[in-house]
Amino acid sequence: GTILYKAHEVLETLTLDKLTAHKKRE
């Protein structure tokens, strides 16, 4: 699970725009 969370987070740095990424983290 730790590997999957990390990998998914890294992929989102490429594919999500700033506003969506920040709101998603909130």
mmCIF file of all heavy atoms, coordinates in Angstrom:
data_MODEL
# 
_entry.id   MODEL 
# 
loop_
_atom_site.group_PDB 
_atom_site.id 
_atom_site.type_symbol 
_atom_site.label_atom_id 
_atom_site.label_alt_id 
_atom_site.label_comp_id 
_atom_site.label_asym_id 
_atom_site.label_entity_id 
_atom_site.label_seq_id 
_atom_site.pdbx_PDB_ins_code 
_atom_site.Cartn_x 
_atom_site.Cartn_y 
_atom_site.Cartn_z 
_atom_site.occupancy 
_atom_site.B_iso_or_equiv 
_atom_site.pdbx_formal_charge 
_atom_site.auth_seq_id 
_atom_site.auth_comp_id 
_atom_site.auth_asym_id 
_atom_site.auth_atom_id 
_atom_site.pdbx_PDB_model_num 
ATOM 1   N N   . GLY A 1 1  ? 0.806   -1.217 0.000   1.00 0.00 ? 1  GLY A N   1 
ATOM 2   C CA  . GLY A 1 1  ? 0.000   0.000  0.000   1.00 0.00 ? 1  GLY A CA  1 
ATOM 3   C C   . GLY A 1 1  ? 0.834   1.260  0.000   1.00 0.00 ? 1  GLY A C   1 
ATOM 4   O O   . GLY A 1 1  ? 0.498   2.250  -0.672  1.00 0.00 ? 1  GLY A O   1 
ATOM 5   N N   . THR A 1 2  ? 1.932   1.233  0.743   1.00 0.00 ? 2  THR A N   1 
ATOM 6   C CA  . THR A 1 2  ? 2.817   2.397  0.783   1.00 0.00 ? 2  THR A CA  1 
ATOM 7   C C   . THR A 1 2  ? 3.425   2.668  -0.588  1.00 0.00 ? 2  THR A C   1 
ATOM 8   O O   . THR A 1 2  ? 3.541   3.823  -1.020  1.00 0.00 ? 2  THR A O   1 
ATOM 9   C CB  . THR A 1 2  ? 3.923   2.178  1.829   1.00 0.00 ? 2  THR A CB  1 
ATOM 10  O OG1 . THR A 1 2  ? 3.316   1.944  3.114   1.00 0.00 ? 2  THR A OG1 1 
ATOM 11  C CG2 . THR A 1 2  ? 4.847   3.387  1.927   1.00 0.00 ? 2  THR A CG2 1 
ATOM 12  N N   . ILE A 1 3  ? 3.789   1.601  -1.298  1.00 0.00 ? 3  ILE A N   1 
ATOM 13  C CA  . ILE A 1 3  ? 4.328   1.748  -2.653  1.00 0.00 ? 3  ILE A CA  1 
ATOM 14  C C   . ILE A 1 3  ? 3.269   2.324  -3.590  1.00 0.00 ? 3  ILE A C   1 
ATOM 15  O O   . ILE A 1 3  ? 3.536   3.243  -4.373  1.00 0.00 ? 3  ILE A O   1 
ATOM 16  C CB  . ILE A 1 3  ? 4.828   0.389  -3.184  1.00 0.00 ? 3  ILE A CB  1 
ATOM 17  C CG1 . ILE A 1 3  ? 6.050   -0.071 -2.379  1.00 0.00 ? 3  ILE A CG1 1 
ATOM 18  C CG2 . ILE A 1 3  ? 5.175   0.480  -4.672  1.00 0.00 ? 3  ILE A CG2 1 
ATOM 19  C CD1 . ILE A 1 3  ? 6.485   -1.496 -2.702  1.00 0.00 ? 3  ILE A CD1 1 
ATOM 20  N N   . LEU A 1 4  ? 2.043   1.813  -3.508  1.00 0.00 ? 4  LEU A N   1 
ATOM 21  C CA  . LEU A 1 4  ? 0.981   2.281  -4.401  1.00 0.00 ? 4  LEU A CA  1 
ATOM 22  C C   . LEU A 1 4  ? 0.629   3.745  -4.154  1.00 0.00 ? 4  LEU A C   1 
ATOM 23  O O   . LEU A 1 4  ? 0.429   4.508  -5.106  1.00 0.00 ? 4  LEU A O   1 
ATOM 24  C CB  . LEU A 1 4  ? -0.262  1.407  -4.243  1.00 0.00 ? 4  LEU A CB  1 
ATOM 25  C CG  . LEU A 1 4  ? -0.218  0.037  -4.918  1.00 0.00 ? 4  LEU A CG  1 
ATOM 26  C CD1 . LEU A 1 4  ? -1.461  -0.768 -4.588  1.00 0.00 ? 4  LEU A CD1 1 
ATOM 27  C CD2 . LEU A 1 4  ? -0.065  0.191  -6.433  1.00 0.00 ? 4  LEU A CD2 1 
ATOM 28  N N   . TYR A 1 5  ? 0.524   4.132  -2.898  1.00 0.00 ? 5  TYR A N   1 
ATOM 29  C CA  . TYR A 1 5  ? 0.227   5.531  -2.593  1.00 0.00 ? 5  TYR A CA  1 
ATOM 30  C C   . TYR A 1 5  ? 1.308   6.448  -3.155  1.00 0.00 ? 5  TYR A C   1 
ATOM 31  O O   . TYR A 1 5  ? 1.010   7.487  -3.745  1.00 0.00 ? 5  TYR A O   1 
ATOM 32  C CB  . TYR A 1 5  ? 0.119   5.730  -1.080  1.00 0.00 ? 5  TYR A CB  1 
ATOM 33  C CG  . TYR A 1 5  ? -1.293  5.741  -0.547  1.00 0.00 ? 5  TYR A CG  1 
ATOM 34  C CD1 . TYR A 1 5  ? -2.029  4.571  -0.456  1.00 0.00 ? 5  TYR A CD1 1 
ATOM 35  C CD2 . TYR A 1 5  ? -1.899  6.919  -0.118  1.00 0.00 ? 5  TYR A CD2 1 
ATOM 36  C CE1 . TYR A 1 5  ? -3.321  4.562  0.049   1.00 0.00 ? 5  TYR A CE1 1 
ATOM 37  C CE2 . TYR A 1 5  ? -3.192  6.934  0.391   1.00 0.00 ? 5  TYR A CE2 1 
ATOM 38  C CZ  . TYR A 1 5  ? -3.899  5.749  0.469   1.00 0.00 ? 5  TYR A CZ  1 
ATOM 39  O OH  . TYR A 1 5  ? -5.180  5.755  0.967   1.00 0.00 ? 5  TYR A OH  1 
ATOM 40  N N   . LYS A 1 6  ? 2.566   6.044  -2.971  1.00 0.00 ? 6  LYS A N   1 
ATOM 41  C CA  . LYS A 1 6  ? 3.683   6.857  -3.462  1.00 0.00 ? 6  LYS A CA  1 
ATOM 42  C C   . LYS A 1 6  ? 3.658   6.963  -4.984  1.00 0.00 ? 6  LYS A C   1 
ATOM 43  O O   . LYS A 1 6  ? 3.770   8.068  -5.547  1.00 0.00 ? 6  LYS A O   1 
ATOM 44  C CB  . LYS A 1 6  ? 5.003   6.240  -3.003  1.00 0.00 ? 6  LYS A CB  1 
ATOM 45  C CG  . LYS A 1 6  ? 6.263   6.891  -3.575  1.00 0.00 ? 6  LYS A CG  1 
ATOM 46  C CD  . LYS A 1 6  ? 6.456   8.300  -3.061  1.00 0.00 ? 6  LYS A CD  1 
ATOM 47  C CE  . LYS A 1 6  ? 7.814   8.836  -3.503  1.00 0.00 ? 6  LYS A CE  1 
ATOM 48  N NZ  . LYS A 1 6  ? 8.037   10.228 -3.046  1.00 0.00 ? 6  LYS A NZ  1 
ATOM 49  N N   . ALA A 1 7  ? 3.488   5.835  -5.657  1.00 0.00 ? 7  ALA A N   1 
ATOM 50  C CA  . ALA A 1 7  ? 3.509   5.835  -7.121  1.00 0.00 ? 7  ALA A CA  1 
ATOM 51  C C   . ALA A 1 7  ? 2.344   6.650  -7.682  1.00 0.00 ? 7  ALA A C   1 
ATOM 52  O O   . ALA A 1 7  ? 2.516   7.430  -8.631  1.00 0.00 ? 7  ALA A O   1 
ATOM 53  C CB  . ALA A 1 7  ? 3.459   4.401  -7.643  1.00 0.00 ? 7  ALA A CB  1 
ATOM 54  N N   . HIS A 1 8  ? 1.175   6.496  -7.097  1.00 0.00 ? 8  HIS A N   1 
ATOM 55  C CA  . HIS A 1 8  ? 0.002   7.240  -7.568  1.00 0.00 ? 8  HIS A CA  1 
ATOM 56  C C   . HIS A 1 8  ? 0.197   8.740  -7.374  1.00 0.00 ? 8  HIS A C   1 
ATOM 57  O O   . HIS A 1 8  ? -0.139  9.546  -8.251  1.00 0.00 ? 8  HIS A O   1 
ATOM 58  C CB  . HIS A 1 8  ? -1.241  6.750  -6.816  1.00 0.00 ? 8  HIS A CB  1 
ATOM 59  C CG  . HIS A 1 8  ? -2.505  7.403  -7.244  1.00 0.00 ? 8  HIS A CG  1 
ATOM 60  N ND1 . HIS A 1 8  ? -3.041  8.498  -6.583  1.00 0.00 ? 8  HIS A ND1 1 
ATOM 61  C CD2 . HIS A 1 8  ? -3.351  7.150  -8.288  1.00 0.00 ? 8  HIS A CD2 1 
ATOM 62  C CE1 . HIS A 1 8  ? -4.151  8.862  -7.189  1.00 0.00 ? 8  HIS A CE1 1 
ATOM 63  N NE2 . HIS A 1 8  ? -4.365  8.069  -8.225  1.00 0.00 ? 8  HIS A NE2 1 
ATOM 64  N N   . GLU A 1 9  ? 0.756   9.110  -6.255  1.00 0.00 ? 9  GLU A N   1 
ATOM 65  C CA  . GLU A 1 9  ? 1.011   10.534 -5.979  1.00 0.00 ? 9  GLU A CA  1 
ATOM 66  C C   . GLU A 1 9  ? 1.999   11.114 -6.984  1.00 0.00 ? 9  GLU A C   1 
ATOM 67  O O   . GLU A 1 9  ? 1.818   12.236 -7.477  1.00 0.00 ? 9  GLU A O   1 
ATOM 68  C CB  . GLU A 1 9  ? 1.555   10.685 -4.556  1.00 0.00 ? 9  GLU A CB  1 
ATOM 69  C CG  . GLU A 1 9  ? 1.876   12.112 -4.156  1.00 0.00 ? 9  GLU A CG  1 
ATOM 70  C CD  . GLU A 1 9  ? 2.478   12.211 -2.765  1.00 0.00 ? 9  GLU A CD  1 
ATOM 71  O OE1 . GLU A 1 9  ? 2.488   11.200 -2.047  1.00 0.00 ? 9  GLU A OE1 1 
ATOM 72  O OE2 . GLU A 1 9  ? 2.961   13.304 -2.405  1.00 0.00 ? 9  GLU A OE2 1 
ATOM 73  N N   . VAL A 1 10 ? 3.041   10.353 -7.299  1.00 0.00 ? 10 VAL A N   1 
ATOM 74  C CA  . VAL A 1 10 ? 4.036   10.822 -8.265  1.00 0.00 ? 10 VAL A CA  1 
ATOM 75  C C   . VAL A 1 10 ? 3.395   11.012 -9.636  1.00 0.00 ? 10 VAL A C   1 
ATOM 76  O O   . VAL A 1 10 ? 3.638   12.013 -10.327 1.00 0.00 ? 10 VAL A O   1 
ATOM 77  C CB  . VAL A 1 10 ? 5.216   9.833  -8.350  1.00 0.00 ? 10 VAL A CB  1 
ATOM 78  C CG1 . VAL A 1 10 ? 6.138   10.190 -9.522  1.00 0.00 ? 10 VAL A CG1 1 
ATOM 79  C CG2 . VAL A 1 10 ? 6.008   9.823  -7.049  1.00 0.00 ? 10 VAL A CG2 1 
ATOM 80  N N   . LEU A 1 11 ? 2.562   10.064 -10.062 1.00 0.00 ? 11 LEU A N   1 
ATOM 81  C CA  . LEU A 1 11 ? 1.915   10.171 -11.381 1.00 0.00 ? 11 LEU A CA  1 
ATOM 82  C C   . LEU A 1 11 ? 1.012   11.405 -11.442 1.00 0.00 ? 11 LEU A C   1 
ATOM 83  O O   . LEU A 1 11 ? 0.945   12.087 -12.470 1.00 0.00 ? 11 LEU A O   1 
ATOM 84  C CB  . LEU A 1 11 ? 1.113   8.901  -11.678 1.00 0.00 ? 11 LEU A CB  1 
ATOM 85  C CG  . LEU A 1 11 ? 0.421   8.829  -13.031 1.00 0.00 ? 11 LEU A CG  1 
ATOM 86  C CD1 . LEU A 1 11 ? 1.416   9.027  -14.167 1.00 0.00 ? 11 LEU A CD1 1 
ATOM 87  C CD2 . LEU A 1 11 ? -0.313  7.499  -13.185 1.00 0.00 ? 11 LEU A CD2 1 
ATOM 88  N N   . GLU A 1 12 ? 0.323   11.704 -10.364 1.00 0.00 ? 12 GLU A N   1 
ATOM 89  C CA  . GLU A 1 12 ? -0.561  12.867 -10.350 1.00 0.00 ? 12 GLU A CA  1 
ATOM 90  C C   . GLU A 1 12 ? 0.208   14.178 -10.472 1.00 0.00 ? 12 GLU A C   1 
ATOM 91  O O   . GLU A 1 12 ? -0.369  15.174 -10.929 1.00 0.00 ? 12 GLU A O   1 
ATOM 92  C CB  . GLU A 1 12 ? -1.413  12.882 -9.082  1.00 0.00 ? 12 GLU A CB  1 
ATOM 93  C CG  . GLU A 1 12 ? -2.548  11.877 -9.096  1.00 0.00 ? 12 GLU A CG  1 
ATOM 94  C CD  . GLU A 1 12 ? -3.549  12.103 -7.980  1.00 0.00 ? 12 GLU A CD  1 
ATOM 95  O OE1 . GLU A 1 12 ? -3.135  12.601 -6.896  1.00 0.00 ? 12 GLU A OE1 1 
ATOM 96  O OE2 . GLU A 1 12 ? -4.734  11.791 -8.165  1.00 0.00 ? 12 GLU A OE2 1 
ATOM 97  N N   . THR A 1 13 ? 1.480   14.208 -10.098 1.00 0.00 ? 13 THR A N   1 
ATOM 98  C CA  . THR A 1 13 ? 2.253   15.444 -10.271 1.00 0.00 ? 13 THR A CA  1 
ATOM 99  C C   . THR A 1 13 ? 2.379   15.808 -11.746 1.00 0.00 ? 13 THR A C   1 
ATOM 100 O O   . THR A 1 13 ? 2.538   16.984 -12.085 1.00 0.00 ? 13 THR A O   1 
ATOM 101 C CB  . THR A 1 13 ? 3.659   15.327 -9.641  1.00 0.00 ? 13 THR A CB  1 
ATOM 102 O OG1 . THR A 1 13 ? 4.420   14.325 -10.337 1.00 0.00 ? 13 THR A OG1 1 
ATOM 103 C CG2 . THR A 1 13 ? 3.577   14.998 -8.166  1.00 0.00 ? 13 THR A CG2 1 
ATOM 104 N N   . LEU A 1 14 ? 2.294   14.803 -12.611 1.00 0.00 ? 14 LEU A N   1 
ATOM 105 C CA  . LEU A 1 14 ? 2.351   15.064 -14.053 1.00 0.00 ? 14 LEU A CA  1 
ATOM 106 C C   . LEU A 1 14 ? 0.990   15.398 -14.647 1.00 0.00 ? 14 LEU A C   1 
ATOM 107 O O   . LEU A 1 14 ? 0.888   16.195 -15.574 1.00 0.00 ? 14 LEU A O   1 
ATOM 108 C CB  . LEU A 1 14 ? 2.885   13.828 -14.794 1.00 0.00 ? 14 LEU A CB  1 
ATOM 109 C CG  . LEU A 1 14 ? 4.380   13.574 -14.899 1.00 0.00 ? 14 LEU A CG  1 
ATOM 110 C CD1 . LEU A 1 14 ? 4.613   12.452 -15.896 1.00 0.00 ? 14 LEU A CD1 1 
ATOM 111 C CD2 . LEU A 1 14 ? 5.155   14.807 -15.314 1.00 0.00 ? 14 LEU A CD2 1 
ATOM 112 N N   . THR A 1 15 ? -0.063  14.777 -14.120 1.00 0.00 ? 15 THR A N   1 
ATOM 113 C CA  . THR A 1 15 ? -1.332  14.759 -14.850 1.00 0.00 ? 15 THR A CA  1 
ATOM 114 C C   . THR A 1 15 ? -2.419  15.676 -14.290 1.00 0.00 ? 15 THR A C   1 
ATOM 115 O O   . THR A 1 15 ? -3.419  15.914 -14.975 1.00 0.00 ? 15 THR A O   1 
ATOM 116 C CB  . THR A 1 15 ? -1.890  13.325 -14.899 1.00 0.00 ? 15 THR A CB  1 
ATOM 117 O OG1 . THR A 1 15 ? -2.088  12.855 -13.552 1.00 0.00 ? 15 THR A OG1 1 
ATOM 118 C CG2 . THR A 1 15 ? -0.922  12.394 -15.617 1.00 0.00 ? 15 THR A CG2 1 
ATOM 119 N N   . LEU A 1 16 ? -2.268  16.173 -13.072 1.00 0.00 ? 16 LEU A N   1 
ATOM 120 C CA  . LEU A 1 16 ? -3.282  17.063 -12.505 1.00 0.00 ? 16 LEU A CA  1 
ATOM 121 C C   . LEU A 1 16 ? -2.831  18.516 -12.594 1.00 0.00 ? 16 LEU A C   1 
ATOM 122 O O   . LEU A 1 16 ? -1.665  18.829 -12.336 1.00 0.00 ? 16 LEU A O   1 
ATOM 123 C CB  . LEU A 1 16 ? -3.560  16.726 -11.035 1.00 0.00 ? 16 LEU A CB  1 
ATOM 124 C CG  . LEU A 1 16 ? -4.208  15.378 -10.715 1.00 0.00 ? 16 LEU A CG  1 
ATOM 125 C CD1 . LEU A 1 16 ? -4.586  15.335 -9.233  1.00 0.00 ? 16 LEU A CD1 1 
ATOM 126 C CD2 . LEU A 1 16 ? -5.425  15.114 -11.581 1.00 0.00 ? 16 LEU A CD2 1 
ATOM 127 N N   . ASP A 1 17 ? -3.770  19.401 -12.924 1.00 0.00 ? 17 ASP A N   1 
ATOM 128 C CA  . ASP A 1 17 ? -3.455  20.822 -12.895 1.00 0.00 ? 17 ASP A CA  1 
ATOM 129 C C   . ASP A 1 17 ? -3.351  21.298 -11.453 1.00 0.00 ? 17 ASP A C   1 
ATOM 130 O O   . ASP A 1 17 ? -3.799  20.623 -10.520 1.00 0.00 ? 17 ASP A O   1 
ATOM 131 C CB  . ASP A 1 17 ? -4.534  21.610 -13.629 1.00 0.00 ? 17 ASP A CB  1 
ATOM 132 C CG  . ASP A 1 17 ? -5.874  21.519 -12.922 1.00 0.00 ? 17 ASP A CG  1 
ATOM 133 O OD1 . ASP A 1 17 ? -6.599  20.514 -13.121 1.00 0.00 ? 17 ASP A OD1 1 
ATOM 134 O OD2 . ASP A 1 17 ? -6.204  22.439 -12.153 1.00 0.00 ? 17 ASP A OD2 1 
ATOM 135 N N   . LYS A 1 18 ? -2.766  22.464 -11.268 1.00 0.00 ? 18 LYS A N   1 
ATOM 136 C CA  . LYS A 1 18 ? -2.479  22.983 -9.930  1.00 0.00 ? 18 LYS A CA  1 
ATOM 137 C C   . LYS A 1 18 ? -3.730  23.116 -9.070  1.00 0.00 ? 18 LYS A C   1 
ATOM 138 O O   . LYS A 1 18 ? -3.751  22.656 -7.915  1.00 0.00 ? 18 LYS A O   1 
ATOM 139 C CB  . LYS A 1 18 ? -1.775  24.337 -10.049 1.00 0.00 ? 18 LYS A CB  1 
ATOM 140 C CG  . LYS A 1 18 ? -1.544  25.047 -8.729  1.00 0.00 ? 18 LYS A CG  1 
ATOM 141 C CD  . LYS A 1 18 ? -0.922  26.413 -8.957  1.00 0.00 ? 18 LYS A CD  1 
ATOM 142 C CE  . LYS A 1 18 ? -0.859  27.232 -7.678  1.00 0.00 ? 18 LYS A CE  1 
ATOM 143 N NZ  . LYS A 1 18 ? -0.276  28.566 -7.903  1.00 0.00 ? 18 LYS A NZ  1 
ATOM 144 N N   . LEU A 1 19 ? -4.773  23.743 -9.582  1.00 0.00 ? 19 LEU A N   1 
ATOM 145 C CA  . LEU A 1 19 ? -5.965  23.994 -8.771  1.00 0.00 ? 19 LEU A CA  1 
ATOM 146 C C   . LEU A 1 19 ? -6.621  22.686 -8.336  1.00 0.00 ? 19 LEU A C   1 
ATOM 147 O O   . LEU A 1 19 ? -7.020  22.533 -7.171  1.00 0.00 ? 19 LEU A O   1 
ATOM 148 C CB  . LEU A 1 19 ? -6.966  24.853 -9.548  1.00 0.00 ? 19 LEU A CB  1 
ATOM 149 C CG  . LEU A 1 19 ? -6.561  26.307 -9.810  1.00 0.00 ? 19 LEU A CG  1 
ATOM 150 C CD1 . LEU A 1 19 ? -7.634  27.006 -10.645 1.00 0.00 ? 19 LEU A CD1 1 
ATOM 151 C CD2 . LEU A 1 19 ? -6.344  27.048 -8.493  1.00 0.00 ? 19 LEU A CD2 1 
ATOM 152 N N   . THR A 1 20 ? -6.731  21.741 -9.261  1.00 0.00 ? 20 THR A N   1 
ATOM 153 C CA  . THR A 1 20 ? -7.332  20.453 -8.916  1.00 0.00 ? 20 THR A CA  1 
ATOM 154 C C   . THR A 1 20 ? -6.477  19.707 -7.907  1.00 0.00 ? 20 THR A C   1 
ATOM 155 O O   . THR A 1 20 ? -6.994  19.140 -6.930  1.00 0.00 ? 20 THR A O   1 
ATOM 156 C CB  . THR A 1 20 ? -7.525  19.591 -10.171 1.00 0.00 ? 20 THR A CB  1 
ATOM 157 O OG1 . THR A 1 20 ? -8.367  20.284 -11.096 1.00 0.00 ? 20 THR A OG1 1 
ATOM 158 C CG2 . THR A 1 20 ? -8.140  18.254 -9.827  1.00 0.00 ? 20 THR A CG2 1 
ATOM 159 N N   . ALA A 1 21 ? -5.172  19.694 -8.122  1.00 0.00 ? 21 ALA A N   1 
ATOM 160 C CA  . ALA A 1 21 ? -4.269  18.972 -7.214  1.00 0.00 ? 21 ALA A CA  1 
ATOM 161 C C   . ALA A 1 21 ? -4.349  19.526 -5.802  1.00 0.00 ? 21 ALA A C   1 
ATOM 162 O O   . ALA A 1 21 ? -4.406  18.767 -4.823  1.00 0.00 ? 21 ALA A O   1 
ATOM 163 C CB  . ALA A 1 21 ? -2.840  19.039 -7.740  1.00 0.00 ? 21 ALA A CB  1 
ATOM 164 N N   . HIS A 1 22 ? -4.347  20.851 -5.683  1.00 0.00 ? 22 HIS A N   1 
ATOM 165 C CA  . HIS A 1 22 ? -4.381  21.458 -4.351  1.00 0.00 ? 22 HIS A CA  1 
ATOM 166 C C   . HIS A 1 22 ? -5.712  21.220 -3.656  1.00 0.00 ? 22 HIS A C   1 
ATOM 167 O O   . HIS A 1 22 ? -5.764  20.916 -2.459  1.00 0.00 ? 22 HIS A O   1 
ATOM 168 C CB  . HIS A 1 22 ? -4.079  22.950 -4.452  1.00 0.00 ? 22 HIS A CB  1 
ATOM 169 C CG  . HIS A 1 22 ? -2.652  23.244 -4.783  1.00 0.00 ? 22 HIS A CG  1 
ATOM 170 N ND1 . HIS A 1 22 ? -2.121  24.518 -4.723  1.00 0.00 ? 22 HIS A ND1 1 
ATOM 171 C CD2 . HIS A 1 22 ? -1.635  22.443 -5.186  1.00 0.00 ? 22 HIS A CD2 1 
ATOM 172 C CE1 . HIS A 1 22 ? -0.854  24.478 -5.060  1.00 0.00 ? 22 HIS A CE1 1 
ATOM 173 N NE2 . HIS A 1 22 ? -0.527  23.233 -5.356  1.00 0.00 ? 22 HIS A NE2 1 
ATOM 174 N N   . LYS A 1 23 ? -6.807  21.354 -4.385  1.00 0.00 ? 23 LYS A N   1 
ATOM 175 C CA  . LYS A 1 23 ? -8.122  21.108 -3.786  1.00 0.00 ? 23 LYS A CA  1 
ATOM 176 C C   . LYS A 1 23 ? -8.272  19.635 -3.407  1.00 0.00 ? 23 LYS A C   1 
ATOM 177 O O   . LYS A 1 23 ? -8.862  19.298 -2.376  1.00 0.00 ? 23 LYS A O   1 
ATOM 178 C CB  . LYS A 1 23 ? -9.234  21.533 -4.747  1.00 0.00 ? 23 LYS A CB  1 
ATOM 179 C CG  . LYS A 1 23 ? -10.642 21.342 -4.211  1.00 0.00 ? 23 LYS A CG  1 
ATOM 180 C CD  . LYS A 1 23 ? -10.851 22.059 -2.867  1.00 0.00 ? 23 LYS A CD  1 
ATOM 181 C CE  . LYS A 1 23 ? -10.747 23.569 -2.995  1.00 0.00 ? 23 LYS A CE  1 
ATOM 182 N NZ  . LYS A 1 23 ? -11.049 24.243 -1.699  1.00 0.00 ? 23 LYS A NZ  1 
ATOM 183 N N   . LYS A 1 24 ? -7.740  18.771 -4.236  1.00 0.00 ? 24 LYS A N   1 
ATOM 184 C CA  . LYS A 1 24 ? -7.816  17.337 -3.954  1.00 0.00 ? 24 LYS A CA  1 
ATOM 185 C C   . LYS A 1 24 ? -7.080  16.998 -2.661  1.00 0.00 ? 24 LYS A C   1 
ATOM 186 O O   . LYS A 1 24 ? -7.542  16.167 -1.869  1.00 0.00 ? 24 LYS A O   1 
ATOM 187 C CB  . LYS A 1 24 ? -7.232  16.553 -5.132  1.00 0.00 ? 24 LYS A CB  1 
ATOM 188 C CG  . LYS A 1 24 ? -7.365  15.045 -5.028  1.00 0.00 ? 24 LYS A CG  1 
ATOM 189 C CD  . LYS A 1 24 ? -6.983  14.394 -6.341  1.00 0.00 ? 24 LYS A CD  1 
ATOM 190 C CE  . LYS A 1 24 ? -7.049  12.873 -6.227  1.00 0.00 ? 24 LYS A CE  1 
ATOM 191 N NZ  . LYS A 1 24 ? -5.947  12.317 -5.442  1.00 0.00 ? 24 LYS A NZ  1 
ATOM 192 N N   . ARG A 1 25 ? -5.943  17.632 -2.434  1.00 0.00 ? 25 ARG A N   1 
ATOM 193 C CA  . ARG A 1 25 ? -5.209  17.381 -1.187  1.00 0.00 ? 25 ARG A CA  1 
ATOM 194 C C   . ARG A 1 25 ? -5.993  17.865 0.021   1.00 0.00 ? 25 ARG A C   1 
ATOM 195 O O   . ARG A 1 25 ? -5.977  17.227 1.081   1.00 0.00 ? 25 ARG A O   1 
ATOM 196 C CB  . ARG A 1 25 ? -3.838  18.071 -1.237  1.00 0.00 ? 25 ARG A CB  1 
ATOM 197 C CG  . ARG A 1 25 ? -2.864  17.412 -2.192  1.00 0.00 ? 25 ARG A CG  1 
ATOM 198 C CD  . ARG A 1 25 ? -1.451  17.900 -1.989  1.00 0.00 ? 25 ARG A CD  1 
ATOM 199 N NE  . ARG A 1 25 ? -0.562  17.357 -3.006  1.00 0.00 ? 25 ARG A NE  1 
ATOM 200 C CZ  . ARG A 1 25 ? -0.140  18.023 -4.067  1.00 0.00 ? 25 ARG A CZ  1 
ATOM 201 N NH1 . ARG A 1 25 ? -0.536  19.272 -4.251  1.00 0.00 ? 25 ARG A NH1 1 
ATOM 202 N NH2 . ARG A 1 25 ? 0.657   17.458 -4.944  1.00 0.00 ? 25 ARG A NH2 1 
ATOM 203 N N   . GLU A 1 26 ? -6.674  18.985 -0.120  1.00 0.00 ? 26 GLU A N   1 
ATOM 204 C CA  . GLU A 1 26 ? -7.512  19.471 0.984   1.00 0.00 ? 26 GLU A CA  1 
ATOM 205 C C   . GLU A 1 26 ? -8.618  18.467 1.301   1.00 0.00 ? 26 GLU A C   1 
ATOM 206 O O   . GLU A 1 26 ? -8.849  18.111 2.462   1.00 0.00 ? 26 GLU A O   1 
ATOM 207 C CB  . GLU A 1 26 ? -8.149  20.814 0.612   1.00 0.00 ? 26 GLU A CB  1 
ATOM 208 C CG  . GLU A 1 26 ? -7.193  21.989 0.524   1.00 0.00 ? 26 GLU A CG  1 
ATOM 209 C CD  . GLU A 1 26 ? -7.922  23.249 0.084   1.00 0.00 ? 26 GLU A CD  1 
ATOM 210 O OE1 . GLU A 1 26 ? -9.151  23.338 0.333   1.00 0.00 ? 26 GLU A OE1 1 
ATOM 211 O OE2 . GLU A 1 26 ? -7.294  24.124 -0.523  1.00 0.00 ? 26 GLU A OE2 1 
# 
